């Protein structure tokens, strides 16, 4: 399914590239000035930084923040090494080296799903780097069997591992059932761009992805943390809500009704307002 070169017409805008110390190259968008906010996307089919957060980071740029939106290693326009093992440590290493390459020494991390697990991992590995955390149903709070029991996660693994590219109709149905309550937010444009990006993905990512259960280490994280969690979540077990609420000693929790896994897309205005308030006063 993955291809060696990008499509002639790029499905999402191309930004800049950072050469990492480990030899890989990361694609990212960088806009605005001020305190740095880094957006880390999830692991879904055709995921990339721009597609996940295009409705969010411009509002923060307008409010006076510098927003860095990378494509995680293995996704979007970033490198997709076939020999790599896509462990949480590898993702954390690549994000950390990207920020080092950009001269970022202090930032807020915004992460959903896999990106949330990476944000937690980076806060544990480099606490002096992470000023705040914003998490949306992050991974790293359960063991693999718990995730595979979730209907959306099981469907994603099946779709991601298929040797054939799914049709737009199949992807639209999957996104609507797995990620949201309001299917109208799954636009044809979103489906098309993510289907094109899926052509670039490497099955090695999903085959070798390993994210440990970080629950016991959450009390080590001292920075302020905001979690937004949709109450109609089909990807992440609800047990993660209490694990975060009890484990993060400087955390606060916002539970969002009529919301699935994509709180930043499905409830964009609420998300943007809540995050800006947290950045200013949290």
Protein backbone atom coordinates (compact mmCIF):
# COMPACT_ATOMS: atom_id res chain seq x y z
CA UNK A 1 0.00 0.00 0.00
CA UNK A 2 2.67 2.63 0.83
CA UNK A 3 4.42 4.32 -2.06
CA UNK A 4 7.99 5.57 -2.34
CA UNK A 5 7.08 9.06 -3.49
CA UNK A 6 4.46 11.61 -2.61
CA UNK A 7 1.46 12.07 -4.93
CA UNK A 8 1.83 14.66 -7.71
CA UNK A 9 -0.87 16.81 -6.11
CA UNK A 10 -0.23 16.99 -2.39
CA UNK A 11 -3.41 16.30 -0.38
CA UNK A 12 -2.43 18.73 2.40
CA UNK A 13 -0.08 21.74 2.34
CA UNK A 14 3.64 21.06 2.61
CA UNK A 15 5.58 22.89 5.30
CA UNK A 16 9.20 22.54 6.37
CA UNK A 17 11.57 19.69 7.21
CA UNK A 18 13.92 19.07 10.13
CA UNK A 19 16.90 16.75 9.86
CA UNK A 20 17.20 14.75 13.08
CA UNK A 21 20.33 13.47 14.81
CA UNK A 22 19.09 9.91 14.37
CA UNK A 23 19.21 10.33 10.58
CA UNK A 24 15.48 10.70 9.94
CA UNK A 25 13.65 13.71 8.51
CA UNK A 26 10.48 15.15 10.04
CA UNK A 27 7.94 17.32 8.23
CA UNK A 28 6.28 20.11 10.21
CA UNK A 29 4.34 23.36 10.02
CA UNK A 30 5.56 26.33 12.06
CA UNK A 31 3.49 29.50 12.42
CA UNK A 32 3.22 32.46 14.77
CA UNK A 33 5.38 33.94 17.49
CA UNK A 34 5.34 33.70 21.26
CA UNK A 35 5.13 30.76 23.65
CA UNK A 36 5.52 27.48 21.79
CA UNK A 37 2.63 25.01 21.46
CA UNK A 38 3.37 21.67 19.79
CA UNK A 39 0.53 19.58 18.33
CA UNK A 40 0.98 15.78 18.22
CA UNK A 41 -1.53 13.83 16.15
CA UNK A 42 -2.90 10.33 16.58
CA UNK A 43 -2.25 7.09 14.72
CA UNK A 44 -5.33 6.79 12.50
CA UNK A 45 -5.52 6.01 8.81
CA UNK A 46 -4.02 8.88 6.82
CA UNK A 47 -3.24 10.87 9.95
CA UNK A 48 -0.93 13.88 9.87
CA UNK A 49 -0.48 17.04 11.88
CA UNK A 50 -2.20 19.38 9.45
CA UNK A 51 -5.24 17.16 8.90
CA UNK A 52 -5.78 16.61 12.63
CA UNK A 53 -5.34 20.19 13.79
CA UNK A 54 -6.06 22.56 10.90
CA UNK A 55 -9.12 23.86 12.75
CA UNK A 56 -7.19 24.54 15.95
CA UNK A 57 -3.67 25.89 15.64
CA UNK A 58 -4.63 28.97 13.55
CA UNK A 59 -6.77 30.18 16.50
CA UNK A 60 -3.76 29.88 18.80
CA UNK A 61 -1.51 31.67 16.32
CA UNK A 62 -4.04 34.51 16.18
CA UNK A 63 -3.99 34.64 20.00
CA UNK A 64 -0.22 35.13 20.07
CA UNK A 65 1.33 31.66 20.24
CA UNK A 66 3.89 29.94 18.06
CA UNK A 67 2.44 26.63 16.87
CA UNK A 68 4.57 23.74 15.65
CA UNK A 69 2.62 20.92 14.00
CA UNK A 70 4.79 17.95 13.01
CA UNK A 71 3.91 14.78 11.17
CA UNK A 72 4.99 11.96 13.46
CA UNK A 73 7.67 9.62 12.18
CA UNK A 74 5.93 7.14 9.87
CA UNK A 75 3.10 9.53 8.96
CA UNK A 76 2.28 12.35 6.56
CA UNK A 77 5.32 13.71 4.75
CA UNK A 78 7.81 12.60 7.42
CA UNK A 79 10.19 9.69 6.91
CA UNK A 80 8.74 6.19 7.14
CA UNK A 81 11.69 3.89 7.84
CA UNK A 82 10.78 0.28 7.11
CA UNK A 83 13.43 -1.13 9.42
CA UNK A 84 12.29 0.82 12.47
CA UNK A 85 10.39 -0.50 15.46
CA UNK A 86 7.68 2.07 16.14
CA UNK A 87 7.82 2.07 19.92
CA UNK A 88 6.78 4.94 22.16
CA UNK A 89 10.45 5.61 22.90
CA UNK A 90 11.14 5.97 19.15
CA UNK A 91 8.27 8.44 18.70
CA UNK A 92 9.40 10.41 21.76
CA UNK A 93 12.99 10.48 20.50
CA UNK A 94 11.93 11.85 17.11
CA UNK A 95 9.69 14.57 18.58
CA UNK A 96 12.39 15.57 21.07
CA UNK A 97 15.03 15.76 18.34
CA UNK A 98 12.66 17.80 16.16
CA UNK A 99 12.24 20.36 18.94
CA UNK A 100 15.98 20.36 19.57
CA UNK A 101 16.57 21.05 15.86
CA UNK A 102 14.16 24.00 16.05
CA UNK A 103 15.79 25.38 19.19
CA UNK A 104 12.70 24.85 21.37
CA UNK A 105 13.63 24.61 25.05
CA UNK A 106 10.17 25.05 26.62
CA UNK A 107 6.71 24.27 25.21
CA UNK A 108 3.16 23.10 25.76
CA UNK A 109 2.36 19.73 24.20
CA UNK A 110 -1.11 19.11 22.73
CA UNK A 111 -1.64 15.43 21.92
CA UNK A 112 -4.54 13.19 21.02
CA UNK A 113 -4.54 9.38 21.10
CA UNK A 114 -1.01 8.22 20.16
CA UNK A 115 0.08 11.87 20.26
CA UNK A 116 -1.19 12.07 23.82
CA UNK A 117 0.88 9.04 24.80
CA UNK A 118 3.93 10.67 23.20
CA UNK A 119 3.21 13.88 25.13
CA UNK A 120 3.11 11.90 28.39
CA UNK A 121 6.30 10.06 27.43
CA UNK A 122 8.11 13.30 26.61
CA UNK A 123 6.95 14.90 29.86
CA UNK A 124 8.46 11.95 31.72
CA UNK A 125 11.68 11.92 29.69
CA UNK A 126 12.26 15.70 29.52
CA UNK A 127 10.26 17.42 32.28
CA UNK A 128 12.32 20.60 31.87
CA UNK A 129 11.08 20.86 28.26
CA UNK A 130 7.35 20.43 28.89
CA UNK A 131 5.63 23.45 30.43
CA UNK A 132 2.05 22.14 30.13
CA UNK A 133 0.13 19.20 28.71
CA UNK A 134 -3.15 19.21 26.80
CA UNK A 135 -4.40 15.65 26.29
CA UNK A 136 -7.34 14.28 24.31
CA UNK A 137 -8.09 10.63 25.17
CA UNK A 138 -4.38 9.75 25.18
CA UNK A 139 -2.95 6.30 24.70
CA UNK A 140 -0.59 4.74 27.22
CA UNK A 141 -3.19 4.20 29.94
CA UNK A 142 -4.17 0.58 29.31
CA UNK A 143 -2.73 -2.69 28.09
CA UNK A 144 -3.15 -3.78 24.45
CA UNK A 145 -6.07 -6.22 25.03
CA UNK A 146 -8.11 -3.37 26.55
CA UNK A 147 -7.62 -1.27 23.41
CA UNK A 148 -8.37 -4.12 21.01
CA UNK A 149 -11.66 -4.67 22.83
CA UNK A 150 -12.79 -1.18 21.79
CA UNK A 151 -14.86 -1.33 18.56
CA UNK A 152 -13.22 1.66 16.90
CA UNK A 153 -9.69 0.46 17.65
CA UNK A 154 -10.39 -3.04 16.32
CA UNK A 155 -11.79 -1.53 13.11
CA UNK A 156 -8.76 0.74 12.72
CA UNK A 157 -6.27 -2.11 13.04
CA UNK A 158 -8.22 -4.09 10.45
CA UNK A 159 -8.45 -1.20 8.00
CA UNK A 160 -4.84 -0.10 8.58
CA UNK A 161 -3.52 -3.63 8.00
CA UNK A 162 -5.42 -4.27 4.77
CA UNK A 163 -3.18 -4.77 1.71
CA UNK A 164 -5.67 -2.84 -0.43
CA UNK A 165 -6.48 0.85 -0.14
CA UNK A 166 -10.05 1.24 1.17
CA UNK A 167 -12.53 3.25 -0.86
CA UNK A 168 -13.56 6.76 0.17
CA UNK A 169 -16.95 5.39 1.17
CA UNK A 170 -15.36 2.77 3.43
CA UNK A 171 -13.10 5.33 5.07
CA UNK A 172 -15.96 7.79 5.57
CA UNK A 173 -18.06 5.11 7.26
CA UNK A 174 -15.13 4.07 9.46
CA UNK A 175 -14.32 7.63 10.57
CA UNK A 176 -17.99 8.35 11.31
CA UNK A 177 -18.43 5.21 13.43
CA UNK A 178 -15.05 5.16 15.17
CA UNK A 179 -14.21 8.81 15.81
CA UNK A 180 -17.30 11.02 16.10
CA UNK A 181 -20.94 11.28 17.13
CA UNK A 182 -21.86 13.93 14.54
CA UNK A 183 -21.08 12.29 11.20
CA UNK A 184 -21.42 15.62 9.38
CA UNK A 185 -17.94 16.66 10.56
CA UNK A 186 -16.47 13.81 8.48
CA UNK A 187 -16.45 15.83 5.28
CA UNK A 188 -15.61 14.55 1.82
CA UNK A 189 -12.54 16.80 1.87
CA UNK A 190 -11.28 15.23 5.11
CA UNK A 191 -11.82 11.73 3.73
CA UNK A 192 -10.07 12.50 0.43
CA UNK A 193 -7.00 14.04 2.04
CA UNK A 194 -6.62 11.22 4.54
CA UNK A 195 -7.12 8.56 1.87
CA UNK A 196 -4.35 10.13 -0.23
CA UNK A 197 -2.07 10.31 2.81
CA UNK A 198 -2.86 6.69 3.61
CA UNK A 199 -1.20 5.75 0.30
CA UNK A 200 2.08 6.97 1.81
CA UNK A 201 1.78 5.07 5.07
CA UNK A 202 4.00 2.14 5.96
CA UNK A 203 2.27 -0.95 7.44
CA UNK A 204 5.36 -1.33 9.63
CA UNK A 205 3.98 1.44 11.86
CA UNK A 206 0.91 -0.45 12.97
CA UNK A 207 2.67 -3.84 12.94
CA UNK A 208 5.41 -2.79 15.36
CA UNK A 209 3.73 -0.02 17.39
CA UNK A 210 4.25 -0.59 21.11
CA UNK A 211 2.98 1.84 23.73
CA UNK A 212 3.49 0.79 27.35
CA UNK A 213 0.98 1.39 30.11
CA UNK A 214 2.20 4.61 31.77
CA UNK A 215 -0.46 4.74 34.50
CA UNK A 216 1.94 4.01 37.38
CA UNK A 217 4.26 6.81 36.25
CA UNK A 218 1.64 9.56 35.94
CA UNK A 219 2.34 10.96 39.46
CA UNK A 220 5.89 11.77 38.28
CA UNK A 221 4.46 14.44 35.96
CA UNK A 222 4.36 17.75 37.81
CA UNK A 223 3.41 20.24 35.08
CA UNK A 224 -0.17 21.53 34.71
CA UNK A 225 -2.27 19.23 32.53
CA UNK A 226 -5.65 19.61 30.85
CA UNK A 227 -7.53 16.56 29.53
CA UNK A 228 -10.55 16.70 27.22
CA UNK A 229 -12.37 13.37 26.85
CA UNK A 230 -15.44 12.66 24.73
CA UNK A 231 -18.07 10.66 26.57
CA UNK A 232 -18.95 8.70 23.41
CA UNK A 233 -15.39 7.44 22.95
CA UNK A 234 -15.07 4.31 20.78
CA UNK A 235 -11.26 4.13 20.67
CA UNK A 236 -10.01 4.50 24.24
CA UNK A 237 -11.38 2.68 27.31
CA UNK A 238 -13.22 4.95 29.75
CA UNK A 239 -10.97 3.65 32.56
CA UNK A 240 -8.41 6.14 31.27
CA UNK A 241 -10.54 9.00 32.60
CA UNK A 242 -10.04 8.08 36.26
CA UNK A 243 -6.45 7.00 35.71
CA UNK A 244 -5.59 10.47 34.43
CA UNK A 245 -7.79 12.27 36.96
CA UNK A 246 -6.17 10.46 39.88
CA UNK A 247 -2.66 10.14 38.45
CA UNK A 248 -1.88 13.66 37.23
CA UNK A 249 -1.39 15.67 40.41
CA UNK A 250 -1.76 19.03 38.65
CA UNK A 251 -4.41 17.96 36.18
CA UNK A 252 -7.91 19.07 35.36
CA UNK A 253 -10.50 17.15 33.33
CA UNK A 254 -13.19 18.28 30.89
CA UNK A 255 -15.70 15.59 29.93
CA UNK A 256 -17.49 16.41 26.67
CA UNK A 257 -20.97 14.94 25.98
CA UNK A 258 -22.02 14.05 22.43
CA UNK A 259 -18.39 13.68 21.50
CA UNK A 260 -16.21 10.86 20.25
CA UNK A 261 -12.45 10.57 19.77
CA UNK A 262 -11.98 13.76 17.73
CA UNK A 263 -12.92 16.42 20.29
CA UNK A 264 -10.70 18.98 18.52
CA UNK A 265 -12.66 18.44 15.27
CA UNK A 266 -16.15 17.62 16.51
CA UNK A 267 -16.24 20.41 19.12
CA UNK A 268 -13.65 22.74 17.61
CA UNK A 269 -14.82 26.02 19.16
CA UNK A 270 -15.14 24.51 22.64
CA UNK A 271 -11.71 22.94 22.27
CA UNK A 272 -10.04 26.15 21.09
CA UNK A 273 -11.65 28.28 23.83
CA UNK A 274 -10.81 25.77 26.56
CA UNK A 275 -7.20 25.36 25.47
CA UNK A 276 -6.64 29.12 25.17
CA UNK A 277 -8.05 29.64 28.67
CA UNK A 278 -5.74 26.94 29.99
CA UNK A 279 -2.71 28.45 28.25
CA UNK A 280 -3.47 31.87 29.70
CA UNK A 281 -4.53 30.87 33.21
CA UNK A 282 -3.76 27.18 33.77
